[in-house]
Amino acid sequence: MKNHALARYGVAYGLDDIAHAETTRDQVLGLLEAEEAKGVTTVRRFVDLTKTRFWVG
């Protein structure tokens, strides 16, 4: 899990990682916002493709 981008910053995997988590916690919000933007884009693309394929109007 440590290799996943969201798990690299602001997370401590034991007492030895606390300093790293504290110094990188400000990077978490940007990563979460980027992931949310990707999700919104994916959902919009799905809706557009679904409308194109199945729209009966």
PDB file of N, CA and C in Angstrom:
ATOM      1  N   MET A   1       0.821  -1.196   0.000  1.00  0.00           N
ATOM      2  CA  MET A   1       0.000   0.000   0.000  1.00  0.00           C
ATOM      3  C   MET A   1       0.863   1.257   0.000  1.00  0.00           C
ATOM      4  N   LYS A   2       2.032   1.199   0.566  1.00  0.00           N
ATOM      5  CA  LYS A   2       2.899   2.380   0.612  1.00  0.00           C
ATOM      6  C   LYS A   2       3.233   2.912  -0.775  1.00  0.00           C
ATOM      7  N   ASN A   3       3.174   2.067  -1.781  1.00  0.00           N
ATOM      8  CA  ASN A   3       3.512   2.498  -3.141  1.00  0.00           C
ATOM      9  C   ASN A   3       2.379   3.247  -3.816  1.00  0.00           C
ATOM     10  N   HIS A   4       1.186   3.160  -3.285  1.00  0.00           N
ATOM     11  CA  HIS A   4       0.044   3.874  -3.845  1.00  0.00           C
ATOM     12  C   HIS A   4       0.196   5.361  -3.515  1.00  0.00           C
ATOM     13  N   ALA A   5      -0.062   6.234  -4.468  1.00  0.00           N
ATOM     14  CA  ALA A   5       0.165   7.670  -4.290  1.00  0.00           C
ATOM     15  C   ALA A   5      -0.552   8.235  -3.069  1.00  0.00           C
ATOM     16  N   LEU A   6      -1.787   7.834  -2.844  1.00  0.00           N
ATOM     17  CA  LEU A   6      -2.534   8.376  -1.711  1.00  0.00           C
ATOM     18  C   LEU A   6      -2.016   7.875  -0.370  1.00  0.00           C
ATOM     19  N   ALA A   7      -1.264   6.801  -0.375  1.00  0.00           N
ATOM     20  CA  ALA A   7      -0.756   6.247   0.875  1.00  0.00           C
ATOM     21  C   ALA A   7       0.671   6.705   1.176  1.00  0.00           C
ATOM     22  N   ARG A   8       1.275   7.462   0.294  1.00  0.00           N
ATOM     23  CA  ARG A   8       2.654   7.905   0.497  1.00  0.00           C
ATOM     24  C   ARG A   8       2.774   9.147   1.357  1.00  0.00           C
ATOM     25  N   TYR A   9       1.758   9.979   1.346  1.00  0.00           N
ATOM     26  CA  TYR A   9       1.849  11.271   2.017  1.00  0.00           C
ATOM     27  C   TYR A   9       0.819  11.366   3.141  1.00  0.00           C
ATOM     28  N   GLY A  10       1.247  11.894   4.271  1.00  0.00           N
ATOM     29  CA  GLY A  10       0.349  12.131   5.383  1.00  0.00           C
ATOM     30  C   GLY A  10      -0.098  10.891   6.126  1.00  0.00           C
ATOM     31  N   VAL A  11       0.549   9.763   5.881  1.00  0.00           N
ATOM     32  CA  VAL A  11       0.176   8.502   6.517  1.00  0.00           C
ATOM     33  C   VAL A  11       1.389   7.914   7.214  1.00  0.00           C
ATOM     34  N   ALA A  12       1.182   7.438   8.440  1.00  0.00           N
ATOM     35  CA  ALA A  12       2.252   6.771   9.188  1.00  0.00           C
ATOM     36  C   ALA A  12       1.932   5.288   9.284  1.00  0.00           C
ATOM     37  N   TYR A  13       2.894   4.467   8.934  1.00  0.00           N
ATOM     38  CA  TYR A  13       2.759   3.014   9.035  1.00  0.00           C
ATOM     39  C   TYR A  13       3.583   2.520  10.221  1.00  0.00           C
ATOM     40  N   GLY A  14       3.369   3.128  11.341  1.00  0.00           N
ATOM     41  CA  GLY A  14       4.118   2.787  12.548  1.00  0.00           C
ATOM     42  C   GLY A  14       4.749   4.042  13.115  1.00  0.00           C
ATOM     43  N   LEU A  15       5.334   3.909  14.274  1.00  0.00           N
ATOM     44  CA  LEU A  15       5.899   5.064  14.968  1.00  0.00           C
ATOM     45  C   LEU A  15       7.067   5.687  14.217  1.00  0.00           C
ATOM     46  N   ASP A  16       7.783   4.911  13.455  1.00  0.00           N
ATOM     47  CA  ASP A  16       8.935   5.443  12.720  1.00  0.00           C
ATOM     48  C   ASP A  16       8.528   6.358  11.566  1.00  0.00           C
ATOM     49  N   ASP A  17       7.293   6.277  11.130  1.00  0.00           N
ATOM     50  CA  ASP A  17       6.831   7.055   9.979  1.00  0.00           C
ATOM     51  C   ASP A  17       6.108   8.347  10.364  1.00  0.00           C
ATOM     52  N   ILE A  18       5.965   8.628  11.626  1.00  0.00           N
ATOM     53  CA  ILE A  18       5.187   9.792  12.060  1.00  0.00           C
ATOM     54  C   ILE A  18       5.776  11.096  11.533  1.00  0.00           C
ATOM     55  N   ALA A  19       7.070  11.259  11.609  1.00  0.00           N
ATOM     56  CA  ALA A  19       7.690  12.501  11.128  1.00  0.00           C
ATOM     57  C   ALA A  19       7.424  12.699   9.638  1.00  0.00           C
ATOM     58  N   HIS A  20       7.547  11.639   8.868  1.00  0.00           N
ATOM     59  CA  HIS A  20       7.279  11.719   7.426  1.00  0.00           C
ATOM     60  C   HIS A  20       5.814  12.084   7.174  1.00  0.00           C
ATOM     61  N   ALA A  21       4.906  11.475   7.915  1.00  0.00           N
ATOM     62  CA  ALA A  21       3.482  11.763   7.755  1.00  0.00           C
ATOM     63  C   ALA A  21       3.187  13.228   8.063  1.00  0.00           C
ATOM     64  N   GLU A  22       3.796  13.737   9.106  1.00  0.00           N
ATOM     65  CA  GLU A  22       3.551  15.134   9.480  1.00  0.00           C
ATOM     66  C   GLU A  22       4.117  16.106   8.447  1.00  0.00           C
ATOM     67  N   THR A  23       5.272  15.804   7.900  1.00  0.00           N
ATOM     68  CA  THR A  23       5.888  16.732   6.944  1.00  0.00           C
ATOM     69  C   THR A  23       5.266  16.643   5.553  1.00  0.00           C
ATOM     70  N   THR A  24       4.549  15.591   5.264  1.00  0.00           N
ATOM     71  CA  THR A  24       3.954  15.440   3.930  1.00  0.00           C
ATOM     72  C   THR A  24       2.438  15.573   3.926  1.00  0.00           C
ATOM     73  N   ARG A  25       1.842  15.850   5.068  1.00  0.00           N
ATOM     74  CA  ARG A  25       0.375  15.893   5.131  1.00  0.00           C
ATOM     75  C   ARG A  25      -0.222  16.982   4.259  1.00  0.00           C
ATOM     76  N   ASP A  26       0.524  18.043   3.974  1.00  0.00           N
ATOM     77  CA  ASP A  26      -0.010  19.120   3.131  1.00  0.00           C
ATOM     78  C   ASP A  26      -0.146  18.696   1.671  1.00  0.00           C
ATOM     79  N   GLN A  27       0.436  17.587   1.287  1.00  0.00           N
ATOM     80  CA  GLN A  27       0.359  17.100  -0.094  1.00  0.00           C
ATOM     81  C   GLN A  27      -0.874  16.235  -0.338  1.00  0.00           C
ATOM     82  N   VAL A  28      -1.544  15.824   0.722  1.00  0.00           N
ATOM     83  CA  VAL A  28      -2.671  14.907   0.591  1.00  0.00           C
ATOM     84  C   VAL A  28      -3.861  15.557  -0.115  1.00  0.00           C
ATOM     85  N   LEU A  29      -4.197  16.775   0.238  1.00  0.00           N
ATOM     86  CA  LEU A  29      -5.368  17.433  -0.335  1.00  0.00           C
ATOM     87  C   LEU A  29      -5.276  17.537  -1.860  1.00  0.00           C
ATOM     88  N   GLY A  30      -4.113  17.904  -2.361  1.00  0.00           N
ATOM     89  CA  GLY A  30      -3.930  17.989  -3.805  1.00  0.00           C
ATOM     90  C   GLY A  30      -4.142  16.657  -4.499  1.00  0.00           C
ATOM     91  N   LEU A  31      -3.643  15.599  -3.886  1.00  0.00           N
ATOM     92  CA  LEU A  31      -3.830  14.263  -4.461  1.00  0.00           C
ATOM     93  C   LEU A  31      -5.301  13.857  -4.451  1.00  0.00           C
ATOM     94  N   LEU A  32      -5.989  14.149  -3.354  1.00  0.00           N
ATOM     95  CA  LEU A  32      -7.408  13.813  -3.278  1.00  0.00           C
ATOM     96  C   LEU A  32      -8.225  14.597  -4.296  1.00  0.00           C
ATOM     97  N   GLU A  33      -7.899  15.857  -4.475  1.00  0.00           N
ATOM     98  CA  GLU A  33      -8.610  16.665  -5.473  1.00  0.00           C
ATOM     99  C   GLU A  33      -8.371  16.148  -6.879  1.00  0.00           C
ATOM    100  N   ALA A  34      -7.160  15.731  -7.172  1.00  0.00           N
ATOM    101  CA  ALA A  34      -6.855  15.185  -8.494  1.00  0.00           C
ATOM    102  C   ALA A  34      -7.605  13.874  -8.735  1.00  0.00           C
ATOM    103  N   GLU A  35      -7.665  13.020  -7.712  1.00  0.00           N
ATOM    104  CA  GLU A  35      -8.400  11.760  -7.838  1.00  0.00           C
ATOM    105  C   GLU A  35      -9.889  12.012  -8.039  1.00  0.00           C
ATOM    106  N   GLU A  36     -10.426  12.984  -7.331  1.00  0.00           N
ATOM    107  CA  GLU A  36     -11.847  13.320  -7.491  1.00  0.00           C
ATOM    108  C   GLU A  36     -12.115  13.832  -8.908  1.00  0.00           C
ATOM    109  N   ALA A  37     -11.232  14.670  -9.424  1.00  0.00           N
ATOM    110  CA  ALA A  37     -11.396  15.199 -10.782  1.00  0.00           C
ATOM    111  C   ALA A  37     -11.367  14.069 -11.809  1.00  0.00           C
ATOM    112  N   LYS A  38     -10.479  13.105 -11.615  1.00  0.00           N
ATOM    113  CA  LYS A  38     -10.438  11.957 -12.533  1.00  0.00           C
ATOM    114  C   LYS A  38     -11.731  11.162 -12.469  1.00  0.00           C
ATOM    115  N   GLY A  39     -12.255  10.995 -11.253  1.00  0.00           N
ATOM    116  CA  GLY A  39     -13.507  10.255 -11.092  1.00  0.00           C
ATOM    117  C   GLY A  39     -14.669  10.968 -11.767  1.00  0.00           C
ATOM    118  N   VAL A  40     -14.747  12.266 -11.614  1.00  0.00           N
ATOM    119  CA  VAL A  40     -15.818  13.047 -12.250  1.00  0.00           C
ATOM    120  C   VAL A  40     -15.716  12.942 -13.767  1.00  0.00           C
ATOM    121  N   THR A  41     -14.519  13.031 -14.291  1.00  0.00           N
ATOM    122  CA  THR A  41     -14.316  12.898 -15.733  1.00  0.00           C
ATOM    123  C   THR A  41     -14.766  11.527 -16.223  1.00  0.00           C
ATOM    124  N   THR A  42     -14.435  10.490 -15.485  1.00  0.00           N
ATOM    125  CA  THR A  42     -14.824   9.130 -15.854  1.00  0.00           C
ATOM    126  C   THR A  42     -16.342   8.975 -15.858  1.00  0.00           C
ATOM    127  N   VAL A  43     -16.994   9.496 -14.839  1.00  0.00           N
ATOM    128  CA  VAL A  43     -18.453   9.394 -14.758  1.00  0.00           C
ATOM    129  C   VAL A  43     -19.114  10.173 -15.896  1.00  0.00           C
ATOM    130  N   ARG A  44     -18.614  11.362 -16.183  1.00  0.00           N
ATOM    131  CA  ARG A  44     -19.183  12.150 -17.291  1.00  0.00           C
ATOM    132  C   ARG A  44     -19.030  11.425 -18.634  1.00  0.00           C
ATOM    133  N   ARG A  45     -17.874  10.824 -18.829  1.00  0.00           N
ATOM    134  CA  ARG A  45     -17.646  10.069 -20.074  1.00  0.00           C
ATOM    135  C   ARG A  45     -18.607   8.887 -20.160  1.00  0.00           C
ATOM    136  N   PHE A  46     -18.800   8.194 -19.053  1.00  0.00           N
ATOM    137  CA  PHE A  46     -19.734   7.065 -19.024  1.00  0.00           C
ATOM    138  C   PHE A  46     -21.148   7.522 -19.367  1.00  0.00           C
ATOM    139  N   VAL A  47     -21.587   8.612 -18.763  1.00  0.00           N
ATOM    140  CA  VAL A  47     -22.935   9.124 -19.017  1.00  0.00           C
ATOM    141  C   VAL A  47     -23.081   9.518 -20.480  1.00  0.00           C
ATOM    142  N   ASP A  48     -22.102  10.195 -21.032  1.00  0.00           N
ATOM    143  CA  ASP A  48     -22.161  10.594 -22.443  1.00  0.00           C
ATOM    144  C   ASP A  48     -22.226   9.377 -23.363  1.00  0.00           C
ATOM    145  N   LEU A  49     -21.393   8.389 -23.102  1.00  0.00           N
ATOM    146  CA  LEU A  49     -21.399   7.177 -23.934  1.00  0.00           C
ATOM    147  C   LEU A  49     -22.714   6.417 -23.801  1.00  0.00           C
ATOM    148  N   THR A  50     -23.237   6.364 -22.594  1.00  0.00           N
ATOM    149  CA  THR A  50     -24.504   5.671 -22.374  1.00  0.00           C
ATOM    150  C   THR A  50     -25.638   6.380 -23.096  1.00  0.00           C
ATOM    151  N   LYS A  51     -25.675   7.698 -23.025  1.00  0.00           N
ATOM    152  CA  LYS A  51     -26.706   8.454 -23.734  1.00  0.00           C
ATOM    153  C   LYS A  51     -26.597   8.232 -25.233  1.00  0.00           C
ATOM    154  N   THR A  52     -25.393   8.253 -25.748  1.00  0.00           N
ATOM    155  CA  THR A  52     -25.181   8.068 -27.191  1.00  0.00           C
ATOM    156  C   THR A  52     -25.653   6.687 -27.642  1.00  0.00           C
ATOM    157  N   ARG A  53     -25.363   5.692 -26.848  1.00  0.00           N
ATOM    158  CA  ARG A  53     -25.687   4.329 -27.257  1.00  0.00           C
ATOM    159  C   ARG A  53     -27.149   3.969 -27.037  1.00  0.00           C
ATOM    160  N   PHE A  54     -27.731   4.427 -25.958  1.00  0.00           N
ATOM    161  CA  PHE A  54     -29.054   3.936 -25.586  1.00  0.00           C
ATOM    162  C   PHE A  54     -30.164   4.969 -25.649  1.00  0.00           C
ATOM    163  N   TRP A  55     -29.865   6.182 -26.079  1.00  0.00           N
ATOM    164  CA  TRP A  55     -30.891   7.216 -26.103  1.00  0.00           C
ATOM    165  C   TRP A  55     -31.960   6.882 -27.129  1.00  0.00           C
ATOM    166  N   VAL A  56     -33.161   6.834 -26.662  1.00  0.00           N
ATOM    167  CA  VAL A  56     -34.296   6.584 -27.537  1.00  0.00           C
ATOM    168  C   VAL A  56     -35.146   7.846 -27.476  1.00  0.00           C
ATOM    169  N   GLY A  57     -35.042   8.669 -28.469  1.00  0.00           N
ATOM    170  CA  GLY A  57     -35.743   9.933 -28.388  1.00  0.00           C
ATOM    171  C   GLY A  57     -36.444  10.277 -29.579  1.00  0.00           C
TER     172      GLY A  57
END
